[in-house]
Amino acid sequence: MTLRPFFRAAARLEYDEAAGWYEAQRSGLGVEFVAEIERALQQACDTPQRFPRMLSDVQCVRVRRFPYSIFFRARGDRLVVLSVFHARRDPLIWRERT
């Protein structure tokens, strides 16, 4: 069963801000970023069990081409996205959302 993604507000904000930042760097780069996020998100929705647990029941899928990871929980028929997280940020930020 494929899960449906559900973004927490903070994760949606991170995602939107990052896409905007990449688009401001170069036209089309934001679109490429969104495509890679969506690809990683689809993998997590299709087979969440294949991704490592990072903390308790929080799992992580890494994004290709960009220094981001998506932290999520599988809950019923939903994939709850806790964070779209840049690798250079302090990991305590996403951990506080659990």
C-alpha atoms as a PDB file:
ATOM      1  CA  MET A   1       0.000   0.000   0.000  1.00  0.00           C
ATOM      2  CA  THR A   2       1.340   3.414  -0.938  1.00  0.00           C
ATOM      3  CA  LEU A   3       1.092   5.998   1.815  1.00  0.00           C
ATOM      4  CA  ARG A   4      -0.116   9.558   1.272  1.00  0.00           C
ATOM      5  CA  PRO A   5       2.338  12.304   2.261  1.00  0.00           C
ATOM      6  CA  PHE A   6       1.220  14.744   4.935  1.00  0.00           C
ATOM      7  CA  PHE A   7       3.489  17.691   5.756  1.00  0.00           C
ATOM      8  CA  ARG A   8       3.620  19.236   9.176  1.00  0.00           C
ATOM      9  CA  ALA A   9       3.585  23.037   8.909  1.00  0.00           C
ATOM     10  CA  ALA A  10       7.285  23.474   9.748  1.00  0.00           C
ATOM     11  CA  ALA A  11       8.292  20.857   7.160  1.00  0.00           C
ATOM     12  CA  ARG A  12       6.158  22.512   4.468  1.00  0.00           C
ATOM     13  CA  LEU A  13       7.766  25.860   5.256  1.00  0.00           C
ATOM     14  CA  GLU A  14      11.281  24.374   5.023  1.00  0.00           C
ATOM     15  CA  TYR A  15      10.409  22.764   1.698  1.00  0.00           C
ATOM     16  CA  ASP A  16       8.892  25.912   0.190  1.00  0.00           C
ATOM     17  CA  GLU A  17      11.722  28.155   1.405  1.00  0.00           C
ATOM     18  CA  ALA A  18      14.403  25.804   0.051  1.00  0.00           C
ATOM     19  CA  ALA A  19      12.687  25.548  -3.336  1.00  0.00           C
ATOM     20  CA  GLY A  20      12.463  29.341  -3.494  1.00  0.00           C
ATOM     21  CA  TRP A  21      16.106  29.736  -2.528  1.00  0.00           C
ATOM     22  CA  TYR A  22      17.279  27.307  -5.209  1.00  0.00           C
ATOM     23  CA  GLU A  23      15.106  28.985  -7.834  1.00  0.00           C
ATOM     24  CA  ALA A  24      16.622  32.363  -6.893  1.00  0.00           C
ATOM     25  CA  GLN A  25      20.109  30.919  -7.411  1.00  0.00           C
ATOM     26  CA  ARG A  26      19.381  29.775 -10.953  1.00  0.00           C
ATOM     27  CA  SER A  27      16.215  29.660 -13.005  1.00  0.00           C
ATOM     28  CA  GLY A  28      14.922  26.092 -13.059  1.00  0.00           C
ATOM     29  CA  LEU A  29      17.030  24.895 -10.135  1.00  0.00           C
ATOM     30  CA  GLY A  30      14.067  25.193  -7.783  1.00  0.00           C
ATOM     31  CA  VAL A  31      12.059  22.963 -10.112  1.00  0.00           C
ATOM     32  CA  GLU A  32      14.898  20.418 -10.092  1.00  0.00           C
ATOM     33  CA  PHE A  33      14.981  20.550  -6.286  1.00  0.00           C
ATOM     34  CA  VAL A  34      11.221  19.935  -6.085  1.00  0.00           C
ATOM     35  CA  ALA A  35      11.538  16.992  -8.495  1.00  0.00           C
ATOM     36  CA  GLU A  36      14.229  15.377  -6.322  1.00  0.00           C
ATOM     37  CA  ILE A  37      12.222  15.946  -3.134  1.00  0.00           C
ATOM     38  CA  GLU A  38       9.143  14.440  -4.784  1.00  0.00           C
ATOM     39  CA  ARG A  39      11.172  11.445  -6.017  1.00  0.00           C
ATOM     40  CA  ALA A  40      12.530  10.758  -2.526  1.00  0.00           C
ATOM     41  CA  LEU A  41       9.106  11.294  -0.993  1.00  0.00           C
ATOM     42  CA  GLN A  42       7.534   8.834  -3.438  1.00  0.00           C
ATOM     43  CA  GLN A  43      10.121   6.203  -2.519  1.00  0.00           C
ATOM     44  CA  ALA A  44       9.339   6.719   1.160  1.00  0.00           C
ATOM     45  CA  CYS A  45       5.591   6.514   0.508  1.00  0.00           C
ATOM     46  CA  ASP A  46       5.964   3.320  -1.538  1.00  0.00           C
ATOM     47  CA  THR A  47       8.334   1.442   0.790  1.00  0.00           C
ATOM     48  CA  PRO A  48       8.816   3.255   4.102  1.00  0.00           C
ATOM     49  CA  GLN A  49      10.203   0.160   5.806  1.00  0.00           C
ATOM     50  CA  ARG A  50      13.370   0.269   3.679  1.00  0.00           C
ATOM     51  CA  PHE A  51      14.597   3.513   5.209  1.00  0.00           C
ATOM     52  CA  PRO A  52      16.624   3.662   8.415  1.00  0.00           C
ATOM     53  CA  ARG A  53      15.220   4.642  11.776  1.00  0.00           C
ATOM     54  CA  MET A  54      17.001   7.668  13.129  1.00  0.00           C
ATOM     55  CA  LEU A  55      15.269   8.159  16.453  1.00  0.00           C
ATOM     56  CA  SER A  56      12.533   5.941  17.874  1.00  0.00           C
ATOM     57  CA  ASP A  57      10.035   5.653  14.986  1.00  0.00           C
ATOM     58  CA  VAL A  58      11.397   8.542  12.907  1.00  0.00           C
ATOM     59  CA  GLN A  59      12.862   7.449   9.593  1.00  0.00           C
ATOM     60  CA  CYS A  60      14.959   9.241   6.999  1.00  0.00           C
ATOM     61  CA  VAL A  61      15.259   9.266   3.224  1.00  0.00           C
ATOM     62  CA  ARG A  62      18.129  11.187   1.623  1.00  0.00           C
ATOM     63  CA  VAL A  63      17.589  13.388  -1.389  1.00  0.00           C
ATOM     64  CA  ARG A  64      19.796  12.960  -4.454  1.00  0.00           C
ATOM     65  CA  ARG A  65      21.759  15.933  -5.833  1.00  0.00           C
ATOM     66  CA  PHE A  66      20.873  18.233  -2.938  1.00  0.00           C
ATOM     67  CA  PRO A  67      22.133  18.178   0.679  1.00  0.00           C
ATOM     68  CA  TYR A  68      18.703  17.407   2.134  1.00  0.00           C
ATOM     69  CA  SER A  69      17.015  14.585   3.990  1.00  0.00           C
ATOM     70  CA  ILE A  70      13.345  14.017   4.662  1.00  0.00           C
ATOM     71  CA  PHE A  71      12.501  12.888   8.187  1.00  0.00           C
ATOM     72  CA  PHE A  72       9.164  11.128   8.489  1.00  0.00           C
ATOM     73  CA  ARG A  73       6.916   8.756  10.399  1.00  0.00           C
ATOM     74  CA  ALA A  74       4.659   6.156   8.802  1.00  0.00           C
ATOM     75  CA  ARG A  75       1.240   6.480  10.455  1.00  0.00           C
ATOM     76  CA  GLY A  76      -1.665   4.415   9.188  1.00  0.00           C
ATOM     77  CA  ASP A  77      -2.156   5.371   5.550  1.00  0.00           C
ATOM     78  CA  ARG A  78      -0.065   8.548   5.839  1.00  0.00           C
ATOM     79  CA  LEU A  79       3.592   9.421   5.678  1.00  0.00           C
ATOM     80  CA  VAL A  80       3.948  12.299   8.143  1.00  0.00           C
ATOM     81  CA  VAL A  81       6.810  14.547   7.037  1.00  0.00           C
ATOM     82  CA  LEU A  82       8.451  16.101  10.079  1.00  0.00           C
ATOM     83  CA  SER A  83      11.261  17.928   8.304  1.00  0.00           C
ATOM     84  CA  VAL A  84      12.809  18.654   4.914  1.00  0.00           C
ATOM     85  CA  PHE A  85      16.211  19.143   6.413  1.00  0.00           C
ATOM     86  CA  HIS A  86      19.458  20.657   5.111  1.00  0.00           C
ATOM     87  CA  ALA A  87      22.493  18.567   6.080  1.00  0.00           C
ATOM     88  CA  ARG A  88      24.377  21.502   7.594  1.00  0.00           C
ATOM     89  CA  ARG A  89      21.672  22.460  10.057  1.00  0.00           C
ATOM     90  CA  ASP A  90      21.746  21.426  13.689  1.00  0.00           C
ATOM     91  CA  PRO A  91      19.987  18.025  13.980  1.00  0.00           C
ATOM     92  CA  LEU A  92      18.421  19.100  17.257  1.00  0.00           C
ATOM     93  CA  ILE A  93      15.989  21.148  15.160  1.00  0.00           C
ATOM     94  CA  TRP A  94      14.245  18.128  13.621  1.00  0.00           C
ATOM     95  CA  ARG A  95      14.565  16.081  16.796  1.00  0.00           C
ATOM     96  CA  GLU A  96      12.573  18.669  18.719  1.00  0.00           C
ATOM     97  CA  ARG A  97       9.636  17.989  16.365  1.00  0.00           C
ATOM     98  CA  THR A  98       9.307  14.366  17.395  1.00  0.00           C
END
